[in-house]
Amino acid sequence: MADSADGPRTDFALLSLVIPVLNEEESVAPLYLEVVEVGQRLERTWEIVFVDDGSTDGSWARIAKLAAADPRVGGVRFRRNFGKAAALAAGFKAARGDLVMTLDADLQDDPHEIPRFVAAIQDGLDVVSGWKKVRLDPWHKVFPSRVFNWLVGRVTGVWLHDHNCGMKAYRAIVFHEIQLYGELHRFIPVLAAARGFRVGELVINHRRRMFGSSKYGWRRFTKGFLDLITVKFLTGFGHRPQHLLGNFGCVPAILGLFAMAILAVNLMARLVDPSIGIGPLAQIMTAVLSVGLLLFGTQLFIAGLIAELIVDRGSGEDLDPYCISERVGEVGSNV
């Protein structure tokens, strides 16, 4: 173990597997056995960090049993369901390795792909995202996902085939610079690329769900679109919000000034000849419109200045977006 100037301690021969769990009682033990099988072929030691995101079944009991039998297994348990981003944030904070991998607990992500991710990181990438090229999910999940992935690439410039894939690998230093909240977990590669990290992807084996049911519905895509707007702002204007708000403010301000100029010309023309120009009602409407546009543009300018001050001063140390009720094993003891 060694101290890093860029963040907390990391073990430079350790692979940390972060696995969010939500009502996956049947799959926790089989997944662990597969990881053990794969781990025997790895050239580095490994650990598993299970994060129970408020499960209501026996998932936590299974995790606690595994942690009691194997010191390489640890877990943290949330008081309630806080969402996948919070679960990953807690797992990343608990992980002690210099290389961190995430995979879902439903057995659809194949642990036998782990060595390929490790090799890709060792070859120079900082973030490696899985690509379920042959996806064994219903069409009503696959088609919206493809549209969403195209949209993310178009908006952010980070072209990955499967931003939603739960199987990803990272250098631990990535999480010293990225904070997760809301539903931003699917945008980690985008946020990492914005910080200058090297991002790539691997085609992986996708398996059919054996236990339980999917945790995602149509609301996932609505939230994903809204989060995409947030990510675009953070990556494009996070440190210069005035460039965005100011540009938007210029449009109504210029239109307001233009309307005022028309009104002034009209008033001067009517002083010369009352029969020309627009009538009193149109003048009132033009005046109201011009004042409203100027006020709106000014408000955007002021909002941009306030945002600049907030960014400049910083927001201080943020609270973790989750609450932990229990821990097991050595792995999760540092969260």
Protein backbone atom coordinates (compact mmCIF):
# COMPACT_ATOMS: atom_id res chain seq x y z
CA MET A 1 0.00 0.00 0.00
CA ALA A 2 1.25 3.47 -0.83
CA ASP A 3 0.02 7.02 -0.55
CA SER A 4 -0.87 8.75 -3.80
CA ALA A 5 -0.60 12.49 -4.27
CA ASP A 6 -3.73 12.38 -6.40
CA GLY A 7 -6.05 10.57 -4.01
CA PRO A 8 -6.47 7.89 -1.36
CA ARG A 9 -4.30 4.85 -0.92
CA THR A 10 -4.30 2.20 -3.63
CA ASP A 11 -2.70 -1.22 -3.91
CA PHE A 12 -0.84 -1.37 -7.20
CA ALA A 13 -1.18 -5.15 -7.55
CA LEU A 14 -4.87 -5.36 -6.75
CA LEU A 15 -7.98 -5.59 -8.91
CA SER A 16 -11.16 -4.37 -7.22
CA LEU A 17 -14.49 -5.68 -8.51
CA VAL A 18 -17.37 -3.38 -7.58
CA ILE A 19 -20.76 -5.09 -7.86
CA PRO A 20 -24.02 -3.23 -7.09
CA VAL A 21 -26.74 -5.55 -5.79
CA LEU A 22 -30.49 -4.99 -5.72
CA ASN A 23 -32.60 -8.06 -4.92
CA GLU A 24 -30.19 -10.55 -6.50
CA GLU A 25 -30.32 -13.23 -3.81
CA GLU A 26 -30.10 -16.16 -6.25
CA SER A 27 -27.20 -14.83 -8.30
CA VAL A 28 -24.76 -13.51 -5.66
CA ALA A 29 -23.19 -16.89 -4.80
CA PRO A 30 -22.93 -18.19 -8.42
CA LEU A 31 -21.33 -14.90 -9.45
CA TYR A 32 -18.79 -15.16 -6.64
CA LEU A 33 -17.86 -18.72 -7.71
CA GLU A 34 -17.30 -17.57 -11.29
CA VAL A 35 -15.10 -14.72 -10.11
CA VAL A 36 -13.04 -17.14 -8.00
CA GLU A 37 -12.57 -19.36 -11.05
CA VAL A 38 -11.45 -16.43 -13.19
CA GLY A 39 -9.32 -14.97 -10.40
CA GLN A 40 -7.15 -18.08 -10.30
CA ARG A 41 -5.91 -17.21 -13.80
CA LEU A 42 -5.20 -13.55 -13.09
CA GLU A 43 -1.66 -12.31 -12.55
CA ARG A 44 -2.76 -9.99 -9.74
CA THR A 45 -4.71 -10.36 -6.53
CA TRP A 46 -8.33 -9.33 -6.44
CA GLU A 47 -11.15 -8.30 -4.12
CA ILE A 48 -14.92 -8.00 -4.43
CA VAL A 49 -16.90 -5.07 -3.08
CA PHE A 50 -20.61 -5.88 -3.01
CA VAL A 51 -22.85 -2.84 -2.50
CA ASP A 52 -26.37 -3.75 -1.39
CA ASP A 53 -28.53 -0.91 -2.67
CA GLY A 54 -31.43 -1.46 -0.28
CA SER A 55 -32.35 -5.04 -1.21
CA THR A 56 -35.53 -6.41 0.35
CA ASP A 57 -34.70 -10.09 -0.17
CA GLY A 58 -31.86 -12.20 1.25
CA SER A 59 -29.08 -10.59 -0.79
CA TRP A 60 -27.32 -9.06 2.22
CA ALA A 61 -27.33 -12.36 4.11
CA ARG A 62 -25.63 -14.00 1.13
CA ILE A 63 -23.03 -11.23 0.94
CA ALA A 64 -22.33 -11.44 4.69
CA LYS A 65 -21.89 -15.21 4.45
CA LEU A 66 -19.39 -14.88 1.59
CA ALA A 67 -17.46 -12.16 3.44
CA ALA A 68 -17.24 -14.34 6.55
CA ALA A 69 -15.76 -17.22 4.51
CA ASP A 70 -13.42 -15.25 2.21
CA PRO A 71 -11.37 -12.19 3.29
CA ARG A 72 -11.25 -11.05 -0.34
CA VAL A 73 -14.98 -10.29 -0.14
CA GLY A 74 -16.51 -7.29 1.57
CA GLY A 75 -19.69 -5.33 1.34
CA VAL A 76 -21.59 -2.25 2.34
CA ARG A 77 -25.33 -2.04 2.84
CA PHE A 78 -27.47 1.04 2.26
CA ARG A 79 -30.33 1.95 4.56
CA ARG A 80 -32.59 2.16 1.52
CA ASN A 81 -32.38 2.18 -2.24
CA PHE A 82 -30.29 5.16 -3.37
CA GLY A 83 -29.75 4.15 -7.00
CA LYS A 84 -26.95 2.62 -9.02
CA ALA A 85 -24.81 5.76 -9.19
CA ALA A 86 -24.73 6.00 -5.39
CA ALA A 87 -23.95 2.27 -5.12
CA LEU A 88 -21.04 2.63 -7.52
CA ALA A 89 -19.79 5.74 -5.71
CA ALA A 90 -19.72 3.80 -2.42
CA GLY A 91 -18.02 0.87 -4.11
CA PHE A 92 -15.37 3.06 -5.70
CA LYS A 93 -14.68 4.66 -2.34
CA ALA A 94 -14.32 1.26 -0.70
CA ALA A 95 -12.15 -0.25 -3.46
CA ARG A 96 -8.45 -0.45 -2.64
CA GLY A 97 -7.01 -1.49 -6.00
CA ASP A 98 -5.39 0.67 -8.66
CA LEU A 99 -7.63 -1.07 -11.20
CA VAL A 100 -11.40 -1.09 -10.64
CA MET A 101 -13.98 -3.09 -12.58
CA THR A 102 -17.75 -2.93 -12.36
CA LEU A 103 -20.23 -5.60 -13.36
CA ASP A 104 -23.87 -6.24 -12.66
CA ALA A 105 -24.92 -8.91 -10.19
CA ASP A 106 -27.57 -10.51 -12.41
CA LEU A 107 -25.07 -12.86 -14.17
CA GLN A 108 -25.69 -11.28 -17.56
CA ASP A 109 -22.15 -9.85 -17.45
CA ASP A 110 -19.67 -12.69 -17.98
CA PRO A 111 -16.80 -12.67 -15.42
CA HIS A 112 -14.65 -14.59 -17.92
CA GLU A 113 -14.24 -11.26 -19.74
CA ILE A 114 -12.32 -9.78 -16.79
CA PRO A 115 -8.80 -10.67 -18.07
CA ARG A 116 -9.49 -8.89 -21.37
CA PHE A 117 -10.45 -5.69 -19.54
CA VAL A 118 -7.32 -5.90 -17.38
CA ALA A 119 -5.19 -6.34 -20.51
CA ALA A 120 -6.83 -3.32 -22.19
CA ILE A 121 -6.03 -1.13 -19.18
CA GLN A 122 -2.46 -2.41 -19.09
CA ASP A 123 -2.15 -1.56 -22.79
CA GLY A 124 -2.71 2.11 -22.00
CA LEU A 125 -6.42 2.85 -21.72
CA ASP A 126 -7.82 4.58 -18.64
CA VAL A 127 -11.46 3.56 -19.13
CA VAL A 128 -12.74 0.48 -20.96
CA SER A 129 -16.46 0.09 -21.60
CA GLY A 130 -18.14 -3.16 -22.54
CA TRP A 131 -20.15 -3.46 -25.75
CA LYS A 132 -22.94 -6.03 -25.80
CA LYS A 133 -22.78 -6.39 -29.58
CA VAL A 134 -25.07 -9.42 -29.50
CA ARG A 135 -27.56 -8.40 -26.84
CA LEU A 136 -29.96 -10.98 -25.40
CA ASP A 137 -32.67 -8.55 -24.31
CA PRO A 138 -36.16 -7.78 -25.67
CA TRP A 139 -36.33 -5.44 -28.67
CA HIS A 140 -38.16 -2.79 -26.67
CA LYS A 141 -35.03 -2.44 -24.52
CA VAL A 142 -32.47 -2.81 -27.31
CA PHE A 143 -33.88 -0.26 -29.78
CA PRO A 144 -34.26 2.69 -27.34
CA SER A 145 -30.79 1.90 -25.99
CA ARG A 146 -29.27 2.17 -29.45
CA VAL A 147 -31.01 5.48 -30.07
CA PHE A 148 -29.77 6.74 -26.70
CA ASN A 149 -26.18 5.65 -27.41
CA TRP A 150 -26.23 7.45 -30.76
CA LEU A 151 -27.60 10.58 -29.11
CA VAL A 152 -24.92 10.53 -26.41
CA GLY A 153 -22.21 10.21 -29.04
CA ARG A 154 -23.71 13.01 -31.09
CA VAL A 155 -24.02 15.40 -28.14
CA THR A 156 -20.77 14.61 -26.31
CA GLY A 157 -18.45 13.40 -29.06
CA VAL A 158 -17.65 10.22 -27.11
CA TRP A 159 -18.75 7.49 -29.51
CA LEU A 160 -19.36 4.24 -27.64
CA HIS A 161 -21.79 1.56 -28.77
CA ASP A 162 -23.11 0.82 -25.27
CA HIS A 163 -22.90 3.57 -22.66
CA ASN A 164 -25.40 1.63 -20.51
CA CYS A 165 -23.25 -1.49 -20.20
CA GLY A 166 -22.56 -2.27 -16.55
CA MET A 167 -19.25 -3.99 -17.29
CA LYS A 168 -16.48 -1.41 -17.33
CA ALA A 169 -12.89 -1.10 -16.14
CA TYR A 170 -11.10 1.99 -14.84
CA ARG A 171 -7.84 3.15 -13.45
CA ALA A 172 -8.60 4.17 -9.87
CA ILE A 173 -7.28 7.68 -10.48
CA VAL A 174 -10.34 8.37 -12.64
CA PHE A 175 -12.51 8.44 -9.53
CA HIS A 176 -10.28 10.97 -7.81
CA GLU A 177 -11.54 13.49 -10.40
CA ILE A 178 -15.15 12.42 -11.03
CA GLN A 179 -18.05 12.65 -8.61
CA LEU A 180 -21.12 10.47 -9.17
CA TYR A 181 -24.67 11.43 -8.24
CA GLY A 182 -28.15 11.12 -9.71
CA GLU A 183 -27.97 8.75 -12.69
CA LEU A 184 -24.58 9.83 -14.00
CA HIS A 185 -23.01 6.36 -13.73
CA ARG A 186 -23.74 5.61 -17.39
CA PHE A 187 -21.78 8.75 -18.37
CA ILE A 188 -18.53 7.95 -16.55
CA PRO A 189 -16.67 7.44 -19.86
CA VAL A 190 -17.94 10.83 -21.08
CA LEU A 191 -16.92 12.56 -17.86
CA ALA A 192 -13.54 10.81 -17.95
CA ALA A 193 -12.92 11.78 -21.58
CA ALA A 194 -13.68 15.41 -20.69
CA ARG A 195 -10.86 15.20 -18.12
CA GLY A 196 -8.42 13.90 -20.76
CA PHE A 197 -8.52 10.20 -19.87
CA ARG A 198 -8.21 7.66 -22.68
CA VAL A 199 -11.47 5.78 -23.31
CA GLY A 200 -12.04 2.60 -25.31
CA GLU A 201 -14.45 -0.33 -25.56
CA LEU A 202 -14.47 -4.11 -25.88
CA VAL A 203 -17.04 -6.43 -27.42
CA ILE A 204 -18.19 -8.74 -24.64
CA ASN A 205 -20.29 -11.84 -24.21
CA HIS A 206 -23.81 -11.04 -23.03
CA ARG A 207 -25.81 -13.75 -21.31
CA ARG A 208 -29.51 -14.25 -20.74
CA ARG A 209 -30.96 -13.34 -17.36
CA MET A 210 -31.33 -16.44 -15.20
CA PHE A 211 -32.86 -15.00 -12.02
CA GLY A 212 -35.07 -12.08 -11.05
CA SER A 213 -36.25 -9.31 -13.34
CA SER A 214 -34.79 -6.21 -14.94
CA LYS A 215 -34.57 -3.12 -12.71
CA TYR A 216 -34.95 -0.75 -15.65
CA GLY A 217 -38.08 0.53 -17.34
CA TRP A 218 -39.02 3.24 -19.81
CA ARG A 219 -38.35 5.94 -17.21
CA ARG A 220 -34.67 5.07 -17.47
CA PHE A 221 -34.47 6.64 -20.92
CA THR A 222 -36.30 9.80 -19.88
CA LYS A 223 -33.91 10.23 -16.96
CA GLY A 224 -31.00 9.40 -19.24
CA PHE A 225 -31.92 12.21 -21.64
CA LEU A 226 -32.19 14.72 -18.80
CA ASP A 227 -28.85 13.55 -17.39
CA LEU A 228 -27.33 13.91 -20.86
CA ILE A 229 -28.20 17.63 -20.75
CA THR A 230 -26.51 17.84 -17.34
CA VAL A 231 -23.41 16.04 -18.61
CA LYS A 232 -23.19 18.30 -21.66
CA PHE A 233 -23.27 21.34 -19.37
CA LEU A 234 -20.70 19.85 -16.97
CA THR A 235 -18.26 18.80 -19.69
CA GLY A 236 -18.76 21.76 -22.00
CA PHE A 237 -19.46 24.67 -19.65
CA GLY A 238 -18.83 23.40 -16.13
CA HIS A 239 -16.03 25.93 -15.54
CA ARG A 240 -17.36 28.67 -17.83
CA PRO A 241 -21.14 28.79 -17.41
CA GLN A 242 -21.26 32.40 -18.56
CA HIS A 243 -20.30 31.22 -22.05
CA LEU A 244 -23.52 29.23 -22.22
CA LEU A 245 -25.93 31.47 -20.32
CA GLY A 246 -24.40 34.62 -21.78
CA ASN A 247 -24.82 33.33 -25.34
CA PHE A 248 -28.45 32.51 -24.64
CA GLY A 249 -28.88 35.93 -23.05
CA CYS A 250 -27.51 37.71 -26.11
CA VAL A 251 -30.38 36.54 -28.31
CA PRO A 252 -33.32 38.02 -26.36
CA ALA A 253 -31.26 41.11 -25.45
CA ILE A 254 -30.46 41.85 -29.12
CA LEU A 255 -34.07 41.22 -30.13
CA GLY A 256 -35.25 43.54 -27.34
CA LEU A 257 -32.89 46.30 -28.48
CA PHE A 258 -34.01 45.81 -32.07
CA ALA A 259 -37.68 46.11 -31.04
CA MET A 260 -36.87 49.28 -29.08
CA ALA A 261 -35.10 50.73 -32.12
CA ILE A 262 -38.15 50.03 -34.28
CA LEU A 263 -40.35 51.69 -31.68
CA ALA A 264 -38.10 54.77 -31.54
CA VAL A 265 -38.04 55.14 -35.33
CA ASN A 266 -41.82 54.75 -35.42
CA LEU A 267 -42.32 57.45 -32.76
CA MET A 268 -40.08 59.90 -34.62
CA ALA A 269 -41.86 59.17 -37.88
CA ARG A 270 -45.29 59.79 -36.30
CA LEU A 271 -44.05 63.13 -34.96
CA VAL A 272 -43.45 64.16 -38.55
CA ASP A 273 -46.61 62.59 -40.01
CA PRO A 274 -49.20 60.99 -37.65
CA SER A 275 -50.62 58.97 -40.54
CA ILE A 276 -47.55 56.76 -40.99
CA GLY A 277 -46.11 54.03 -38.75
CA ILE A 278 -47.85 51.63 -36.40
CA GLY A 279 -50.82 52.55 -34.22
CA PRO A 280 -50.95 53.04 -30.42
CA LEU A 281 -51.91 49.41 -29.63
CA ALA A 282 -49.02 48.04 -31.72
CA GLN A 283 -46.68 50.52 -30.05
CA ILE A 284 -47.71 49.30 -26.59
CA MET A 285 -47.26 45.66 -27.61
CA THR A 286 -43.86 46.42 -29.13
CA ALA A 287 -42.77 48.26 -25.97
CA VAL A 288 -43.87 45.39 -23.71
CA LEU A 289 -42.13 42.84 -25.93
CA SER A 290 -38.87 44.79 -26.07
CA VAL A 291 -38.77 45.36 -22.31
CA GLY A 292 -39.58 41.69 -21.64
CA LEU A 293 -36.82 40.49 -23.97
CA LEU A 294 -34.29 42.86 -22.42
CA LEU A 295 -35.21 41.75 -18.91
CA PHE A 296 -34.97 38.07 -19.87
CA GLY A 297 -31.57 38.55 -21.52
CA THR A 298 -30.33 40.51 -18.50
CA GLN A 299 -31.49 37.75 -16.15
CA LEU A 300 -29.53 35.18 -18.14
CA PHE A 301 -26.42 37.39 -17.97
CA ILE A 302 -26.81 37.76 -14.20
CA ALA A 303 -27.40 34.00 -13.80
CA GLY A 304 -24.19 33.38 -15.73
CA LEU A 305 -22.23 35.76 -13.49
CA ILE A 306 -23.61 34.09 -10.34
CA ALA A 307 -22.74 30.66 -11.74
CA GLU A 308 -19.19 31.89 -12.47
CA LEU A 309 -18.85 33.04 -8.85
CA ILE A 310 -20.11 29.68 -7.57
CA VAL A 311 -17.67 27.77 -9.79
CA ASP A 312 -14.81 30.08 -8.79
CA ARG A 313 -15.41 29.73 -5.07
CA GLY A 314 -16.27 26.03 -5.20
CA SER A 315 -19.00 24.29 -3.30
CA GLY A 316 -16.88 22.78 -0.53
CA GLU A 317 -16.89 19.13 0.42
CA ASP A 318 -20.07 17.38 -0.71
CA LEU A 319 -21.88 14.81 1.37
CA ASP A 320 -21.95 11.25 0.10
CA PRO A 321 -25.17 10.59 -1.86
CA TYR A 322 -25.99 7.52 0.24
CA CYS A 323 -26.30 6.28 3.84
CA ILE A 324 -24.64 3.05 4.95
CA SER A 325 -26.24 0.90 7.64
CA GLU A 326 -23.81 -2.06 7.75
CA ARG A 327 -20.41 -3.22 6.56
CA VAL A 328 -18.87 -6.65 6.34
CA GLY A 329 -15.31 -7.76 5.64
CA GLU A 330 -12.13 -5.74 5.37
CA VAL A 331 -12.88 -4.42 1.91
CA GLY A 332 -15.55 -1.85 2.71
CA SER A 333 -14.03 -0.54 5.93
CA ASN A 334 -12.73 2.72 4.47
CA VAL A 335 -16.11 4.22 3.45
